[in-house]
Amino acid sequence: MVQIDPTLPLSVTVDFQSRHRAAFRLFTRGPGETDPWIFLKEGSGDTTVIATPLARGSIVKSEFIFFAGPDPFRAVMIFRQNGHLLEGGTRSVDAPGDDLFVADTAELA
């Protein structure tokens, strides 16, 4: 879980750490099971996206697609508010190099 202040915008940085050619998509969903997924950003390089303040219990979902390679795939998601790294705010997304797709979710508490 990533500890947030629900009154502040959330900054999420995608940091690719493997040599794969890759792309990502980020989504958020409110705390309710029936809340809709909202698209945030897609890209193919290191980037930072700012989300409006999110309620506790919301989820940030990341999806990565990548070309197969001999080495494991790795990206790091970094969550900040007001420029400060949040508790639980560094999450690595890892997969075998031939998986081609990996998704992860981070719950905001």
PDB file of N, CA and C in Angstrom:
ATOM      1  N   MET A   1       0.838  -1.186   0.000  1.00  0.00           N
ATOM      2  CA  MET A   1       0.000   0.000   0.000  1.00  0.00           C
ATOM      3  C   MET A   1       0.882   1.249   0.000  1.00  0.00           C
ATOM      4  N   VAL A   2       0.389   2.258  -0.672  1.00  0.00           N
ATOM      5  CA  VAL A   2       1.063   3.543  -0.728  1.00  0.00           C
ATOM      6  C   VAL A   2       0.271   4.497   0.160  1.00  0.00           C
ATOM      7  N   GLN A   3       0.932   5.087   1.147  1.00  0.00           N
ATOM      8  CA  GLN A   3       0.282   5.995   2.086  1.00  0.00           C
ATOM      9  C   GLN A   3       0.196   7.388   1.463  1.00  0.00           C
ATOM     10  N   ILE A   4      -1.036   7.887   1.280  1.00  0.00           N
ATOM     11  CA  ILE A   4      -1.235   9.184   0.618  1.00  0.00           C
ATOM     12  C   ILE A   4      -1.959  10.165   1.527  1.00  0.00           C
ATOM     13  N   ASP A   5      -1.887  11.430   1.130  1.00  0.00           N
ATOM     14  CA  ASP A   5      -2.739  12.480   1.681  1.00  0.00           C
ATOM     15  C   ASP A   5      -3.813  12.706   0.620  1.00  0.00           C
ATOM     16  N   PRO A   6      -5.083  12.372   0.882  1.00  0.00           N
ATOM     17  CA  PRO A   6      -6.111  12.464  -0.147  1.00  0.00           C
ATOM     18  C   PRO A   6      -6.456  13.894  -0.568  1.00  0.00           C
ATOM     19  N   THR A   7      -5.827  14.885   0.039  1.00  0.00           N
ATOM     20  CA  THR A   7      -6.103  16.271  -0.341  1.00  0.00           C
ATOM     21  C   THR A   7      -5.075  16.810  -1.339  1.00  0.00           C
ATOM     22  N   LEU A   8      -4.025  16.036  -1.616  1.00  0.00           N
ATOM     23  CA  LEU A   8      -2.944  16.518  -2.488  1.00  0.00           C
ATOM     24  C   LEU A   8      -2.904  15.753  -3.811  1.00  0.00           C
ATOM     25  N   PRO A   9      -2.477  16.418  -4.898  1.00  0.00           N
ATOM     26  CA  PRO A   9      -2.266  15.703  -6.153  1.00  0.00           C
ATOM     27  C   PRO A   9      -1.194  14.624  -5.965  1.00  0.00           C
ATOM     28  N   LEU A  10      -1.305  13.564  -6.743  1.00  0.00           N
ATOM     29  CA  LEU A  10      -0.379  12.441  -6.678  1.00  0.00           C
ATOM     30  C   LEU A  10       0.491  12.445  -7.920  1.00  0.00           C
ATOM     31  N   SER A  11       1.793  12.337  -7.731  1.00  0.00           N
ATOM     32  CA  SER A  11       2.746  12.248  -8.821  1.00  0.00           C
ATOM     33  C   SER A  11       3.227  10.808  -8.921  1.00  0.00           C
ATOM     34  N   VAL A  12       3.132  10.227 -10.123  1.00  0.00           N
ATOM     35  CA  VAL A  12       3.594   8.854 -10.353  1.00  0.00           C
ATOM     36  C   VAL A  12       4.642   8.892 -11.453  1.00  0.00           C
ATOM     37  N   THR A  13       5.840   8.411 -11.134  1.00  0.00           N
ATOM     38  CA  THR A  13       6.930   8.345 -12.108  1.00  0.00           C
ATOM     39  C   THR A  13       7.115   6.903 -12.549  1.00  0.00           C
ATOM     40  N   VAL A  14       7.224   6.705 -13.863  1.00  0.00           N
ATOM     41  CA  VAL A  14       7.553   5.403 -14.439  1.00  0.00           C
ATOM     42  C   VAL A  14       9.024   5.458 -14.814  1.00  0.00           C
ATOM     43  N   ASP A  15       9.816   4.544 -14.259  1.00  0.00           N
ATOM     44  CA  ASP A  15      11.253   4.493 -14.514  1.00  0.00           C
ATOM     45  C   ASP A  15      11.594   3.110 -15.071  1.00  0.00           C
ATOM     46  N   PHE A  16      11.847   3.033 -16.377  1.00  0.00           N
ATOM     47  CA  PHE A  16      12.233   1.767 -16.997  1.00  0.00           C
ATOM     48  C   PHE A  16      13.671   1.443 -16.600  1.00  0.00           C
ATOM     49  N   GLN A  17      13.904   0.230 -16.114  1.00  0.00           N
ATOM     50  CA  GLN A  17      15.249  -0.130 -15.654  1.00  0.00           C
ATOM     51  C   GLN A  17      15.848  -1.316 -16.396  1.00  0.00           C
ATOM     52  N   SER A  18      15.125  -1.883 -17.334  1.00  0.00           N
ATOM     53  CA  SER A  18      15.702  -2.947 -18.151  1.00  0.00           C
ATOM     54  C   SER A  18      15.900  -2.420 -19.565  1.00  0.00           C
ATOM     55  N   ARG A  19      16.574  -3.207 -20.389  1.00  0.00           N
ATOM     56  CA  ARG A  19      16.914  -2.755 -21.739  1.00  0.00           C
ATOM     57  C   ARG A  19      15.811  -3.037 -22.755  1.00  0.00           C
ATOM     58  N   HIS A  20      14.671  -3.501 -22.328  1.00  0.00           N
ATOM     59  CA  HIS A  20      13.593  -3.825 -23.257  1.00  0.00           C
ATOM     60  C   HIS A  20      13.009  -2.579 -23.910  1.00  0.00           C
ATOM     61  N   ARG A  21      12.609  -2.711 -25.162  1.00  0.00           N
ATOM     62  CA  ARG A  21      11.754  -1.682 -25.762  1.00  0.00           C
ATOM     63  C   ARG A  21      10.381  -1.928 -25.185  1.00  0.00           C
ATOM     64  N   ALA A  22       9.802  -0.921 -24.584  1.00  0.00           N
ATOM     65  CA  ALA A  22       8.572  -1.142 -23.823  1.00  0.00           C
ATOM     66  C   ALA A  22       7.665   0.080 -23.891  1.00  0.00           C
ATOM     67  N   ALA A  23       6.415  -0.150 -23.534  1.00  0.00           N
ATOM     68  CA  ALA A  23       5.427   0.918 -23.428  1.00  0.00           C
ATOM     69  C   ALA A  23       4.570   0.634 -22.196  1.00  0.00           C
ATOM     70  N   PHE A  24       3.920   1.690 -21.690  1.00  0.00           N
ATOM     71  CA  PHE A  24       3.095   1.536 -20.496  1.00  0.00           C
ATOM     72  C   PHE A  24       1.788   2.292 -20.661  1.00  0.00           C
ATOM     73  N   ARG A  25       0.820   1.922 -19.808  1.00  0.00           N
ATOM     74  CA  ARG A  25      -0.421   2.664 -19.638  1.00  0.00           C
ATOM     75  C   ARG A  25      -0.711   2.710 -18.144  1.00  0.00           C
ATOM     76  N   LEU A  26      -1.211   3.853 -17.670  1.00  0.00           N
ATOM     77  CA  LEU A  26      -1.594   4.011 -16.266  1.00  0.00           C
ATOM     78  C   LEU A  26      -3.075   4.369 -16.184  1.00  0.00           C
ATOM     79  N   PHE A  27      -3.741   3.790 -15.174  1.00  0.00           N
ATOM     80  CA  PHE A  27      -5.151   4.029 -14.923  1.00  0.00           C
ATOM     81  C   PHE A  27      -5.354   4.234 -13.421  1.00  0.00           C
ATOM     82  N   THR A  28      -6.451   4.892 -13.051  1.00  0.00           N
ATOM     83  CA  THR A  28      -6.856   4.958 -11.643  1.00  0.00           C
ATOM     84  C   THR A  28      -8.303   4.507 -11.544  1.00  0.00           C
ATOM     85  N   ARG A  29      -8.642   4.067 -10.352  1.00  0.00           N
ATOM     86  CA  ARG A  29     -10.026   3.712 -10.038  1.00  0.00           C
ATOM     87  C   ARG A  29     -10.294   4.129  -8.606  1.00  0.00           C
ATOM     88  N   GLY A  30     -11.467   4.644  -8.353  1.00  0.00           N
ATOM     89  CA  GLY A  30     -11.849   5.029  -6.998  1.00  0.00           C
ATOM     90  C   GLY A  30     -11.936   3.817  -6.086  1.00  0.00           C
ATOM     91  N   PRO A  31     -12.263   4.037  -4.825  1.00  0.00           N
ATOM     92  CA  PRO A  31     -12.266   2.947  -3.848  1.00  0.00           C
ATOM     93  C   PRO A  31     -13.405   1.940  -4.007  1.00  0.00           C
ATOM     94  N   GLY A  32     -14.440   2.287  -4.745  1.00  0.00           N
ATOM     95  CA  GLY A  32     -15.566   1.368  -4.912  1.00  0.00           C
ATOM     96  C   GLY A  32     -15.305   0.338  -5.999  1.00  0.00           C
ATOM     97  N   GLU A  33     -15.732  -0.891  -5.764  1.00  0.00           N
ATOM     98  CA  GLU A  33     -15.534  -1.973  -6.738  1.00  0.00           C
ATOM     99  C   GLU A  33     -16.151  -1.652  -8.097  1.00  0.00           C
ATOM    100  N   THR A  34     -17.200  -0.855  -8.112  1.00  0.00           N
ATOM    101  CA  THR A  34     -17.864  -0.532  -9.374  1.00  0.00           C
ATOM    102  C   THR A  34     -17.419   0.815  -9.953  1.00  0.00           C
ATOM    103  N   ASP A  35     -16.478   1.482  -9.279  1.00  0.00           N
ATOM    104  CA  ASP A  35     -15.954   2.739  -9.820  1.00  0.00           C
ATOM    105  C   ASP A  35     -15.281   2.453 -11.162  1.00  0.00           C
ATOM    106  N   PRO A  36     -15.412   3.351 -12.127  1.00  0.00           N
ATOM    107  CA  PRO A  36     -14.811   3.109 -13.439  1.00  0.00           C
ATOM    108  C   PRO A  36     -13.302   3.347 -13.423  1.00  0.00           C
ATOM    109  N   TRP A  37     -12.602   2.626 -14.294  1.00  0.00           N
ATOM    110  CA  TRP A  37     -11.173   2.882 -14.498  1.00  0.00           C
ATOM    111  C   TRP A  37     -11.049   4.149 -15.338  1.00  0.00           C
ATOM    112  N   ILE A  38     -10.154   5.037 -14.937  1.00  0.00           N
ATOM    113  CA  ILE A  38      -9.912   6.299 -15.650  1.00  0.00           C
ATOM    114  C   ILE A  38      -8.486   6.284 -16.179  1.00  0.00           C
ATOM    115  N   PHE A  39      -8.356   6.503 -17.478  1.00  0.00           N
ATOM    116  CA  PHE A  39      -7.045   6.526 -18.135  1.00  0.00           C
ATOM    117  C   PHE A  39      -6.258   7.750 -17.675  1.00  0.00           C
ATOM    118  N   LEU A  40      -4.975   7.541 -17.331  1.00  0.00           N
ATOM    119  CA  LEU A  40      -4.110   8.651 -16.930  1.00  0.00           C
ATOM    120  C   LEU A  40      -3.090   9.018 -17.996  1.00  0.00           C
ATOM    121  N   LYS A  41      -2.333   8.011 -18.462  1.00  0.00           N
ATOM    122  CA  LYS A  41      -1.209   8.318 -19.351  1.00  0.00           C
ATOM    123  C   LYS A  41      -0.717   7.042 -20.001  1.00  0.00           C
ATOM    124  N   GLU A  42      -0.141   7.190 -21.202  1.00  0.00           N
ATOM    125  CA  GLU A  42       0.590   6.109 -21.831  1.00  0.00           C
ATOM    126  C   GLU A  42       1.873   6.685 -22.400  1.00  0.00           C
ATOM    127  N   GLY A  43       2.861   5.830 -22.580  1.00  0.00           N
ATOM    128  CA  GLY A  43       4.121   6.303 -23.110  1.00  0.00           C
ATOM    129  C   GLY A  43       5.095   5.162 -23.316  1.00  0.00           C
ATOM    130  N   SER A  44       6.272   5.515 -23.799  1.00  0.00           N
ATOM    131  CA  SER A  44       7.275   4.498 -24.078  1.00  0.00           C
ATOM    132  C   SER A  44       8.638   4.854 -23.492  1.00  0.00           C
ATOM    133  N   GLY A  45       8.651   5.802 -22.585  1.00  0.00           N
ATOM    134  CA  GLY A  45       9.896   6.180 -21.933  1.00  0.00           C
ATOM    135  C   GLY A  45       9.624   6.643 -20.518  1.00  0.00           C
ATOM    136  N   ASP A  46      10.708   6.866 -19.778  1.00  0.00           N
ATOM    137  CA  ASP A  46      10.564   7.356 -18.408  1.00  0.00           C
ATOM    138  C   ASP A  46       9.720   8.633 -18.424  1.00  0.00           C
ATOM    139  N   THR A  47       8.785   8.727 -17.519  1.00  0.00           N
ATOM    140  CA  THR A  47       7.903   9.891 -17.483  1.00  0.00           C
ATOM    141  C   THR A  47       7.259  10.019 -16.113  1.00  0.00           C
ATOM    142  N   THR A  48       6.695  11.192 -15.858  1.00  0.00           N
ATOM    143  CA  THR A  48       5.947  11.435 -14.628  1.00  0.00           C
ATOM    144  C   THR A  48       4.576  11.964 -15.003  1.00  0.00           C
ATOM    145  N   VAL A  49       3.562  11.476 -14.304  1.00  0.00           N
ATOM    146  CA  VAL A  49       2.195  11.938 -14.520  1.00  0.00           C
ATOM    147  C   VAL A  49       1.659  12.430 -13.180  1.00  0.00           C
ATOM    148  N   ILE A  50       0.863  13.480 -13.226  1.00  0.00           N
ATOM    149  CA  ILE A  50       0.249  14.035 -12.018  1.00  0.00           C
ATOM    150  C   ILE A  50      -1.245  13.724 -12.066  1.00  0.00           C
ATOM    151  N   ALA A  51      -1.746  13.107 -11.010  1.00  0.00           N
ATOM    152  CA  ALA A  51      -3.175  12.818 -10.894  1.00  0.00           C
ATOM    153  C   ALA A  51      -3.794  13.786  -9.895  1.00  0.00           C
ATOM    154  N   THR A  52      -5.052  14.101 -10.104  1.00  0.00           N
ATOM    155  CA  THR A  52      -5.778  14.926  -9.139  1.00  0.00           C
ATOM    156  C   THR A  52      -5.802  14.190  -7.801  1.00  0.00           C
ATOM    157  N   PRO A  53      -6.121  14.874  -6.715  1.00  0.00           N
ATOM    158  CA  PRO A  53      -6.208  14.163  -5.430  1.00  0.00           C
ATOM    159  C   PRO A  53      -7.126  12.943  -5.550  1.00  0.00           C
ATOM    160  N   LEU A  54      -6.695  11.847  -4.961  1.00  0.00           N
ATOM    161  CA  LEU A  54      -7.434  10.582  -5.007  1.00  0.00           C
ATOM    162  C   LEU A  54      -7.813  10.163  -3.597  1.00  0.00           C
ATOM    163  N   ALA A  55      -8.958   9.532  -3.470  1.00  0.00           N
ATOM    164  CA  ALA A  55      -9.434   9.068  -2.161  1.00  0.00           C
ATOM    165  C   ALA A  55      -8.614   7.880  -1.677  1.00  0.00           C
ATOM    166  N   ARG A  56      -8.527   7.756  -0.365  1.00  0.00           N
ATOM    167  CA  ARG A  56      -7.919   6.551   0.190  1.00  0.00           C
ATOM    168  C   ARG A  56      -8.732   5.348  -0.285  1.00  0.00           C
ATOM    169  N   GLY A  57      -8.033   4.272  -0.582  1.00  0.00           N
ATOM    170  CA  GLY A  57      -8.690   3.079  -1.101  1.00  0.00           C
ATOM    171  C   GLY A  57      -8.725   3.037  -2.621  1.00  0.00           C
ATOM    172  N   SER A  58      -8.339   4.144  -3.276  1.00  0.00           N
ATOM    173  CA  SER A  58      -8.250   4.153  -4.735  1.00  0.00           C
ATOM    174  C   SER A  58      -7.103   3.247  -5.173  1.00  0.00           C
ATOM    175  N   ILE A  59      -7.093   2.925  -6.457  1.00  0.00           N
ATOM    176  CA  ILE A  59      -6.075   2.037  -7.012  1.00  0.00           C
ATOM    177  C   ILE A  59      -5.438   2.702  -8.217  1.00  0.00           C
ATOM    178  N   VAL A  60      -4.121   2.543  -8.347  1.00  0.00           N
ATOM    179  CA  VAL A  60      -3.400   2.925  -9.558  1.00  0.00           C
ATOM    180  C   VAL A  60      -2.967   1.622 -10.225  1.00  0.00           C
ATOM    181  N   LYS A  61      -3.331   1.459 -11.487  1.00  0.00           N
ATOM    182  CA  LYS A  61      -2.991   0.248 -12.236  1.00  0.00           C
ATOM    183  C   LYS A  61      -1.992   0.606 -13.322  1.00  0.00           C
ATOM    184  N   SER A  62      -0.958  -0.224 -13.463  1.00  0.00           N
ATOM    185  CA  SER A  62       0.021  -0.044 -14.533  1.00  0.00           C
ATOM    186  C   SER A  62       0.015  -1.284 -15.414  1.00  0.00           C
ATOM    187  N   GLU A  63       0.156  -1.068 -16.714  1.00  0.00           N
ATOM    188  CA  GLU A  63       0.273  -2.149 -17.685  1.00  0.00           C
ATOM    189  C   GLU A  63       1.492  -1.870 -18.544  1.00  0.00           C
ATOM    190  N   PHE A  64       2.334  -2.872 -18.708  1.00  0.00           N
ATOM    191  CA  PHE A  64       3.541  -2.742 -19.523  1.00  0.00           C
ATOM    192  C   PHE A  64       3.525  -3.819 -20.604  1.00  0.00           C
ATOM    193  N   ILE A  65       3.836  -3.413 -21.825  1.00  0.00           N
ATOM    194  CA  ILE A  65       4.076  -4.372 -22.898  1.00  0.00           C
ATOM    195  C   ILE A  65       5.513  -4.154 -23.346  1.00  0.00           C
ATOM    196  N   PHE A  66       6.179  -5.246 -23.737  1.00  0.00           N
ATOM    197  CA  PHE A  66       7.581  -5.123 -24.109  1.00  0.00           C
ATOM    198  C   PHE A  66       7.981  -6.225 -25.067  1.00  0.00           C
ATOM    199  N   PHE A  67       9.022  -5.946 -25.859  1.00  0.00           N
ATOM    200  CA  PHE A  67       9.587  -6.948 -26.749  1.00  0.00           C
ATOM    201  C   PHE A  67      10.389  -7.942 -25.928  1.00  0.00           C
ATOM    202  N   ALA A  68      10.327  -9.206 -26.329  1.00  0.00           N
ATOM    203  CA  ALA A  68      11.042 -10.264 -25.615  1.00  0.00           C
ATOM    204  C   ALA A  68      12.542  -9.996 -25.624  1.00  0.00           C
ATOM    205  N   GLY A  69      13.185 -10.363 -24.536  1.00  0.00           N
ATOM    206  CA  GLY A  69      14.628 -10.236 -24.414  1.00  0.00           C
ATOM    207  C   GLY A  69      15.144 -11.306 -23.466  1.00  0.00           C
ATOM    208  N   PRO A  70      16.444 -11.522 -23.467  1.00  0.00           N
ATOM    209  CA  PRO A  70      17.001 -12.571 -22.610  1.00  0.00           C
ATOM    210  C   PRO A  70      17.028 -12.191 -21.126  1.00  0.00           C
ATOM    211  N   ASP A  71      16.980 -10.908 -20.837  1.00  0.00           N
ATOM    212  CA  ASP A  71      17.049 -10.442 -19.456  1.00  0.00           C
ATOM    213  C   ASP A  71      15.646 -10.189 -18.907  1.00  0.00           C
ATOM    214  N   PRO A  72      15.467 -10.248 -17.594  1.00  0.00           N
ATOM    215  CA  PRO A  72      14.161  -9.937 -16.998  1.00  0.00           C
ATOM    216  C   PRO A  72      13.756  -8.489 -17.272  1.00  0.00           C
ATOM    217  N   PHE A  73      12.452  -8.280 -17.391  1.00  0.00           N
ATOM    218  CA  PHE A  73      11.901  -6.932 -17.523  1.00  0.00           C
ATOM    219  C   PHE A  73      11.801  -6.322 -16.132  1.00  0.00           C
ATOM    220  N   ARG A  74      12.101  -5.016 -16.044  1.00  0.00           N
ATOM    221  CA  ARG A  74      11.968  -4.313 -14.762  1.00  0.00           C
ATOM    222  C   ARG A  74      11.654  -2.848 -15.014  1.00  0.00           C
ATOM    223  N   ALA A  75      10.644  -2.376 -14.286  1.00  0.00           N
ATOM    224  CA  ALA A  75      10.323  -0.950 -14.238  1.00  0.00           C
ATOM    225  C   ALA A  75      10.035  -0.620 -12.777  1.00  0.00           C
ATOM    226  N   VAL A  76      10.231   0.624 -12.411  1.00  0.00           N
ATOM    227  CA  VAL A  76       9.952   1.059 -11.043  1.00  0.00           C
ATOM    228  C   VAL A  76       8.925   2.184 -11.107  1.00  0.00           C
ATOM    229  N   MET A  77       7.924   2.072 -10.251  1.00  0.00           N
ATOM    230  CA  MET A  77       6.898   3.107 -10.105  1.00  0.00           C
ATOM    231  C   MET A  77       7.219   3.866  -8.821  1.00  0.00           C
ATOM    232  N   ILE A  78       7.289   5.199  -8.921  1.00  0.00           N
ATOM    233  CA  ILE A  78       7.634   6.030  -7.773  1.00  0.00           C
ATOM    234  C   ILE A  78       6.478   6.997  -7.518  1.00  0.00           C
ATOM    235  N   PHE A  79       5.927   6.939  -6.304  1.00  0.00           N
ATOM    236  CA  PHE A  79       4.771   7.746  -5.919  1.00  0.00           C
ATOM    237  C   PHE A  79       5.231   8.865  -4.981  1.00  0.00           C
ATOM    238  N   ARG A  80       4.859  10.118  -5.345  1.00  0.00           N
ATOM    239  CA  ARG A  80       5.234  11.284  -4.538  1.00  0.00           C
ATOM    240  C   ARG A  80       4.046  12.226  -4.399  1.00  0.00           C
ATOM    241  N   GLN A  81       4.100  13.007  -3.323  1.00  0.00           N
ATOM    242  CA  GLN A  81       3.192  14.146  -3.152  1.00  0.00           C
ATOM    243  C   GLN A  81       4.035  15.300  -2.636  1.00  0.00           C
ATOM    244  N   ASN A  82       3.818  16.497  -3.199  1.00  0.00           N
ATOM    245  CA  ASN A  82       4.618  17.684  -2.845  1.00  0.00           C
ATOM    246  C   ASN A  82       6.107  17.409  -2.963  1.00  0.00           C
ATOM    247  N   GLY A  83       6.507  16.560  -3.919  1.00  0.00           N
ATOM    248  CA  GLY A  83       7.913  16.256  -4.146  1.00  0.00           C
ATOM    249  C   GLY A  83       8.510  15.250  -3.184  1.00  0.00           C
ATOM    250  N   HIS A  84       7.733  14.772  -2.223  1.00  0.00           N
ATOM    251  CA  HIS A  84       8.246  13.832  -1.221  1.00  0.00           C
ATOM    252  C   HIS A  84       7.832  12.406  -1.550  1.00  0.00           C
ATOM    253  N   LEU A  85       8.784  11.493  -1.463  1.00  0.00           N
ATOM    254  CA  LEU A  85       8.507  10.079  -1.646  1.00  0.00           C
ATOM    255  C   LEU A  85       7.555   9.619  -0.556  1.00  0.00           C
ATOM    256  N   LEU A  86       6.512   8.906  -0.938  1.00  0.00           N
ATOM    257  CA  LEU A  86       5.510   8.443   0.012  1.00  0.00           C
ATOM    258  C   LEU A  86       5.921   7.109   0.632  1.00  0.00           C
ATOM    259  N   GLU A  87       5.413   6.855   1.836  1.00  0.00           N
ATOM    260  CA  GLU A  87       5.648   5.565   2.480  1.00  0.00           C
ATOM    261  C   GLU A  87       5.030   4.475   1.602  1.00  0.00           C
ATOM    262  N   GLY A  88       5.829   3.478   1.255  1.00  0.00           N
ATOM    263  CA  GLY A  88       5.378   2.433   0.341  1.00  0.00           C
ATOM    264  C   GLY A  88       5.375   2.887  -1.108  1.00  0.00           C
ATOM    265  N   GLY A  89       5.983   4.033  -1.382  1.00  0.00           N
ATOM    266  CA  GLY A  89       5.889   4.672  -2.685  1.00  0.00           C
ATOM    267  C   GLY A  89       6.898   4.264  -3.727  1.00  0.00           C
ATOM    268  N   THR A  90       7.681   3.239  -3.482  1.00  0.00           N
ATOM    269  CA  THR A  90       8.564   2.703  -4.514  1.00  0.00           C
ATOM    270  C   THR A  90       8.155   1.258  -4.754  1.00  0.00           C
ATOM    271  N   ARG A  91       7.681   0.982  -5.957  1.00  0.00           N
ATOM    272  CA  ARG A  91       7.203  -0.366  -6.293  1.00  0.00           C
ATOM    273  C   ARG A  91       7.876  -0.820  -7.574  1.00  0.00           C
ATOM    274  N   SER A  92       8.489  -1.998  -7.533  1.00  0.00           N
ATOM    275  CA  SER A  92       9.086  -2.508  -8.766  1.00  0.00           C
ATOM    276  C   SER A  92       8.114  -3.456  -9.450  1.00  0.00           C
ATOM    277  N   VAL A  93       8.129  -3.390 -10.758  1.00  0.00           N
ATOM    278  CA  VAL A  93       7.302  -4.253 -11.603  1.00  0.00           C
ATOM    279  C   VAL A  93       8.279  -5.125 -12.377  1.00  0.00           C
ATOM    280  N   ASP A  94       8.275  -6.419 -12.088  1.00  0.00           N
ATOM    281  CA  ASP A  94       9.245  -7.348 -12.666  1.00  0.00           C
ATOM    282  C   ASP A  94       8.534  -8.471 -13.397  1.00  0.00           C
ATOM    283  N   ALA A  95       9.169  -8.975 -14.461  1.00  0.00           N
ATOM    284  CA  ALA A  95       8.624 -10.100 -15.210  1.00  0.00           C
ATOM    285  C   ALA A  95       9.767 -10.775 -15.965  1.00  0.00           C
ATOM    286  N   PRO A  96       9.602 -12.059 -16.276  1.00  0.00           N
ATOM    287  CA  PRO A  96      10.582 -12.705 -17.142  1.00  0.00           C
ATOM    288  C   PRO A  96      10.666 -11.969 -18.474  1.00  0.00           C
ATOM    289  N   GLY A  97      11.828 -11.958 -19.083  1.00  0.00           N
ATOM    290  CA  GLY A  97      12.046 -11.199 -20.309  1.00  0.00           C
ATOM    291  C   GLY A  97      11.232 -11.630 -21.490  1.00  0.00           C
ATOM    292  N   ASP A  98      10.628 -12.827 -21.432  1.00  0.00           N
ATOM    293  CA  ASP A  98       9.835 -13.300 -22.561  1.00  0.00           C
ATOM    294  C   ASP A  98       8.333 -13.272 -22.277  1.00  0.00           C
ATOM    295  N   ASP A  99       7.899 -12.659 -21.180  1.00  0.00           N
ATOM    296  CA  ASP A  99       6.468 -12.594 -20.866  1.00  0.00           C
ATOM    297  C   ASP A  99       5.702 -11.654 -21.797  1.00  0.00           C
ATOM    298  N   LEU A 100       6.293 -10.583 -22.220  1.00  0.00           N
ATOM    299  CA  LEU A 100       5.742  -9.587 -23.143  1.00  0.00           C
ATOM    300  C   LEU A 100       4.711  -8.649 -22.532  1.00  0.00           C
ATOM    301  N   PHE A 101       4.091  -9.000 -21.398  1.00  0.00           N
ATOM    302  CA  PHE A 101       3.084  -8.146 -20.772  1.00  0.00           C
ATOM    303  C   PHE A 101       3.118  -8.388 -19.271  1.00  0.00           C
ATOM    304  N   VAL A 102       3.002  -7.316 -18.506  1.00  0.00           N
ATOM    305  CA  VAL A 102       2.879  -7.438 -17.058  1.00  0.00           C
ATOM    306  C   VAL A 102       2.030  -6.270 -16.568  1.00  0.00           C
ATOM    307  N   ALA A 103       1.184  -6.537 -15.576  1.00  0.00           N
ATOM    308  CA  ALA A 103       0.338  -5.504 -14.984  1.00  0.00           C
ATOM    309  C   ALA A 103       0.521  -5.549 -13.469  1.00  0.00           C
ATOM    310  N   ASP A 104       0.300  -4.407 -12.834  1.00  0.00           N
ATOM    311  CA  ASP A 104       0.435  -4.329 -11.389  1.00  0.00           C
ATOM    312  C   ASP A 104      -0.562  -3.287 -10.886  1.00  0.00           C
ATOM    313  N   THR A 105      -0.959  -3.422  -9.630  1.00  0.00           N
ATOM    314  CA  THR A 105      -1.822  -2.419  -9.016  1.00  0.00           C
ATOM    315  C   THR A 105      -1.209  -1.964  -7.704  1.00  0.00           C
ATOM    316  N   ALA A 106      -1.459  -0.721  -7.357  1.00  0.00           N
ATOM    317  CA  ALA A 106      -1.026  -0.157  -6.084  1.00  0.00           C
ATOM    318  C   ALA A 106      -2.249   0.437  -5.407  1.00  0.00           C
ATOM    319  N   GLU A 107      -2.536  -0.033  -4.200  1.00  0.00           N
ATOM    320  CA  GLU A 107      -3.655   0.528  -3.450  1.00  0.00           C
ATOM    321  C   GLU A 107      -3.166   1.733  -2.670  1.00  0.00           C
ATOM    322  N   LEU A 108      -3.976   2.792  -2.648  1.00  0.00           N
ATOM    323  CA  LEU A 108      -3.627   4.025  -1.946  1.00  0.00           C
ATOM    324  C   LEU A 108      -4.359   4.047  -0.605  1.00  0.00           C
ATOM    325  N   ALA A 109      -3.615   4.195   0.466  1.00  0.00           N
ATOM    326  CA  ALA A 109      -4.206   4.147   1.813  1.00  0.00           C
ATOM    327  C   ALA A 109      -3.968   5.438   2.553  1.00  0.00           C
TER     328      ALA A 109
END
